[in-house]
Amino acid sequence: MLEAYKQAVLGNNVKPLIIVTDHEQALLNGLRTVYPRVPHLLCRWHTEKNVLQEAKKHWRVTGVNK
């Protein structure tokens, strides 16, 4: 899919300077093949969302009145 996107949208003459993802493993695997030298960053919003989701599994808030 990533190779098809590259051909259809970017062509062979354009290479991204950086790629930001949500840590989707299938996408990361494709990036290693199609853009092996392009730096990769994790999306801050997705990272924070994942941290909150994991924290909810382990922390319990008590004494809070709504």
N, C-alpha and C. Protein backbone atom coordinates (compact mmCIF):
# COMPACT_ATOMS: atom_id res chain seq x y z
N MET A 1 0.82 -1.18 0.00
CA MET A 1 0.00 0.00 0.00
C MET A 1 0.87 1.25 0.00
N LEU A 2 1.91 1.24 0.79
CA LEU A 2 2.78 2.41 0.86
C LEU A 2 3.51 2.66 -0.46
N GLU A 3 3.91 1.61 -1.12
CA GLU A 3 4.55 1.75 -2.43
C GLU A 3 3.57 2.33 -3.45
N ALA A 4 2.31 1.88 -3.43
CA ALA A 4 1.29 2.40 -4.33
C ALA A 4 1.04 3.88 -4.06
N TYR A 5 0.98 4.25 -2.79
CA TYR A 5 0.81 5.67 -2.41
C TYR A 5 1.98 6.50 -2.94
N LYS A 6 3.17 5.99 -2.75
CA LYS A 6 4.36 6.70 -3.21
C LYS A 6 4.28 6.96 -4.71
N GLN A 7 3.93 5.95 -5.48
CA GLN A 7 3.85 6.10 -6.94
C GLN A 7 2.73 7.04 -7.36
N ALA A 8 1.56 6.91 -6.73
CA ALA A 8 0.39 7.69 -7.14
C ALA A 8 0.46 9.15 -6.70
N VAL A 9 0.97 9.39 -5.52
CA VAL A 9 0.92 10.74 -4.96
C VAL A 9 2.25 11.47 -5.06
N LEU A 10 3.31 10.82 -4.67
CA LEU A 10 4.60 11.50 -4.59
C LEU A 10 5.47 11.30 -5.82
N GLY A 11 5.37 10.17 -6.46
CA GLY A 11 6.26 9.88 -7.58
C GLY A 11 7.64 9.49 -7.09
N ASN A 12 8.53 9.25 -8.02
CA ASN A 12 9.88 8.82 -7.66
C ASN A 12 10.82 9.96 -7.32
N ASN A 13 10.42 11.19 -7.64
CA ASN A 13 11.32 12.33 -7.44
C ASN A 13 11.16 13.01 -6.09
N VAL A 14 10.15 12.64 -5.33
CA VAL A 14 9.89 13.29 -4.05
C VAL A 14 10.08 12.28 -2.92
N LYS A 15 10.87 12.67 -1.93
CA LYS A 15 11.07 11.83 -0.76
C LYS A 15 10.72 12.67 0.47
N PRO A 16 9.87 12.15 1.37
CA PRO A 16 9.53 12.92 2.56
C PRO A 16 10.76 13.18 3.42
N LEU A 17 10.77 14.33 4.08
CA LEU A 17 11.88 14.65 4.98
C LEU A 17 11.76 13.90 6.30
N ILE A 18 10.52 13.66 6.71
CA ILE A 18 10.25 12.97 7.97
C ILE A 18 8.86 12.34 7.87
N ILE A 19 8.63 11.27 8.60
CA ILE A 19 7.33 10.62 8.62
C ILE A 19 6.87 10.48 10.06
N VAL A 20 5.61 10.85 10.31
CA VAL A 20 5.02 10.78 11.65
C VAL A 20 3.89 9.76 11.61
N THR A 21 3.93 8.79 12.54
CA THR A 21 2.90 7.75 12.57
C THR A 21 2.39 7.56 14.00
N ASP A 22 1.42 6.67 14.11
CA ASP A 22 0.86 6.33 15.43
C ASP A 22 1.39 4.99 15.93
N HIS A 23 2.50 4.55 15.40
CA HIS A 23 3.18 3.31 15.80
C HIS A 23 2.42 2.07 15.33
N GLU A 24 1.75 2.19 14.18
CA GLU A 24 1.08 1.04 13.56
C GLU A 24 2.15 0.13 12.97
N GLN A 25 2.23 -1.10 13.45
CA GLN A 25 3.31 -2.00 13.09
C GLN A 25 3.36 -2.29 11.59
N ALA A 26 2.24 -2.49 10.94
CA ALA A 26 2.23 -2.76 9.50
C ALA A 26 2.80 -1.57 8.73
N LEU A 27 2.45 -0.37 9.14
CA LEU A 27 2.97 0.83 8.48
C LEU A 27 4.48 0.95 8.71
N LEU A 28 4.93 0.69 9.92
CA LEU A 28 6.36 0.76 10.21
C LEU A 28 7.14 -0.24 9.36
N ASN A 29 6.59 -1.43 9.18
CA ASN A 29 7.24 -2.43 8.33
C ASN A 29 7.36 -1.93 6.90
N GLY A 30 6.31 -1.31 6.39
CA GLY A 30 6.33 -0.75 5.03
C GLY A 30 7.31 0.40 4.90
N LEU A 31 7.39 1.22 5.92
CA LEU A 31 8.32 2.36 5.89
C LEU A 31 9.76 1.88 5.82
N ARG A 32 10.07 0.82 6.51
CA ARG A 32 11.43 0.28 6.48
C ARG A 32 11.82 -0.18 5.07
N THR A 33 10.81 -0.60 4.29
CA THR A 33 11.07 -1.08 2.94
C THR A 33 11.07 0.07 1.92
N VAL A 34 10.05 0.92 1.99
CA VAL A 34 9.87 1.97 0.99
C VAL A 34 10.73 3.20 1.27
N TYR A 35 10.84 3.58 2.52
CA TYR A 35 11.63 4.76 2.92
C TYR A 35 12.59 4.39 4.06
N PRO A 36 13.57 3.55 3.80
CA PRO A 36 14.42 3.07 4.89
C PRO A 36 15.30 4.14 5.54
N ARG A 37 15.55 5.24 4.85
CA ARG A 37 16.44 6.27 5.41
C ARG A 37 15.72 7.53 5.86
N VAL A 38 14.40 7.53 5.78
CA VAL A 38 13.63 8.70 6.21
C VAL A 38 13.37 8.59 7.71
N PRO A 39 13.70 9.62 8.49
CA PRO A 39 13.47 9.58 9.93
C PRO A 39 11.99 9.40 10.26
N HIS A 40 11.71 8.70 11.34
CA HIS A 40 10.35 8.40 11.77
C HIS A 40 10.14 8.93 13.18
N LEU A 41 9.01 9.60 13.39
CA LEU A 41 8.63 10.07 14.72
C LEU A 41 7.25 9.54 15.07
N LEU A 42 7.02 9.37 16.36
CA LEU A 42 5.69 8.99 16.82
C LEU A 42 4.86 10.24 17.04
N CYS A 43 3.59 10.18 16.67
CA CYS A 43 2.67 11.29 16.87
C CYS A 43 2.48 11.52 18.37
N ARG A 44 2.69 12.74 18.81
CA ARG A 44 2.58 13.05 20.23
C ARG A 44 1.17 12.80 20.75
N TRP A 45 0.15 13.17 19.98
CA TRP A 45 -1.23 12.97 20.41
C TRP A 45 -1.52 11.49 20.64
N HIS A 46 -1.12 10.64 19.69
CA HIS A 46 -1.34 9.21 19.83
C HIS A 46 -0.56 8.63 21.01
N THR A 47 0.66 9.11 21.21
CA THR A 47 1.47 8.63 22.32
C THR A 47 0.80 8.98 23.65
N GLU A 48 0.34 10.21 23.80
CA GLU A 48 -0.32 10.62 25.04
C GLU A 48 -1.62 9.85 25.25
N LYS A 49 -2.36 9.61 24.19
CA LYS A 49 -3.59 8.85 24.28
C LYS A 49 -3.31 7.43 24.77
N ASN A 50 -2.26 6.80 24.24
CA ASN A 50 -1.89 5.46 24.66
C ASN A 50 -1.44 5.42 26.11
N VAL A 51 -0.70 6.44 26.55
CA VAL A 51 -0.27 6.50 27.94
C VAL A 51 -1.48 6.60 28.86
N LEU A 52 -2.44 7.46 28.53
CA LEU A 52 -3.65 7.59 29.35
C LEU A 52 -4.45 6.29 29.39
N GLN A 53 -4.54 5.63 28.26
CA GLN A 53 -5.28 4.36 28.20
C GLN A 53 -4.63 3.31 29.10
N GLU A 54 -3.32 3.23 29.08
CA GLU A 54 -2.61 2.27 29.93
C GLU A 54 -2.71 2.67 31.40
N ALA A 55 -2.64 3.97 31.68
CA ALA A 55 -2.72 4.44 33.07
C ALA A 55 -4.07 4.08 33.68
N LYS A 56 -5.13 4.17 32.91
CA LYS A 56 -6.46 3.84 33.42
C LYS A 56 -6.55 2.39 33.86
N LYS A 57 -5.76 1.53 33.28
CA LYS A 57 -5.77 0.11 33.66
C LYS A 57 -5.15 -0.11 35.04
N HIS A 58 -4.27 0.80 35.45
CA HIS A 58 -3.50 0.59 36.67
C HIS A 58 -3.83 1.56 37.79
N TRP A 59 -4.39 2.71 37.47
CA TRP A 59 -4.68 3.72 38.47
C TRP A 59 -6.18 3.83 38.67
N ARG A 60 -6.55 4.14 39.88
CA ARG A 60 -7.95 4.35 40.20
C ARG A 60 -8.07 5.67 40.94
N VAL A 61 -8.96 6.52 40.50
CA VAL A 61 -9.18 7.80 41.14
C VAL A 61 -10.28 7.62 42.17
N THR A 62 -10.02 8.03 43.41
CA THR A 62 -11.02 7.90 44.48
C THR A 62 -11.26 9.27 45.09
N GLY A 63 -12.44 9.41 45.66
CA GLY A 63 -12.78 10.65 46.36
C GLY A 63 -13.09 11.82 45.48
N VAL A 64 -13.41 11.59 44.24
CA VAL A 64 -13.73 12.68 43.33
C VAL A 64 -15.24 12.77 43.21
N ASN A 65 -15.77 13.94 43.53
CA ASN A 65 -17.22 14.18 43.42
C ASN A 65 -17.49 14.86 42.10
N LYS A 66 -18.54 14.38 41.43
CA LYS A 66 -18.91 14.99 40.16
C LYS A 66 -20.12 15.84 40.32
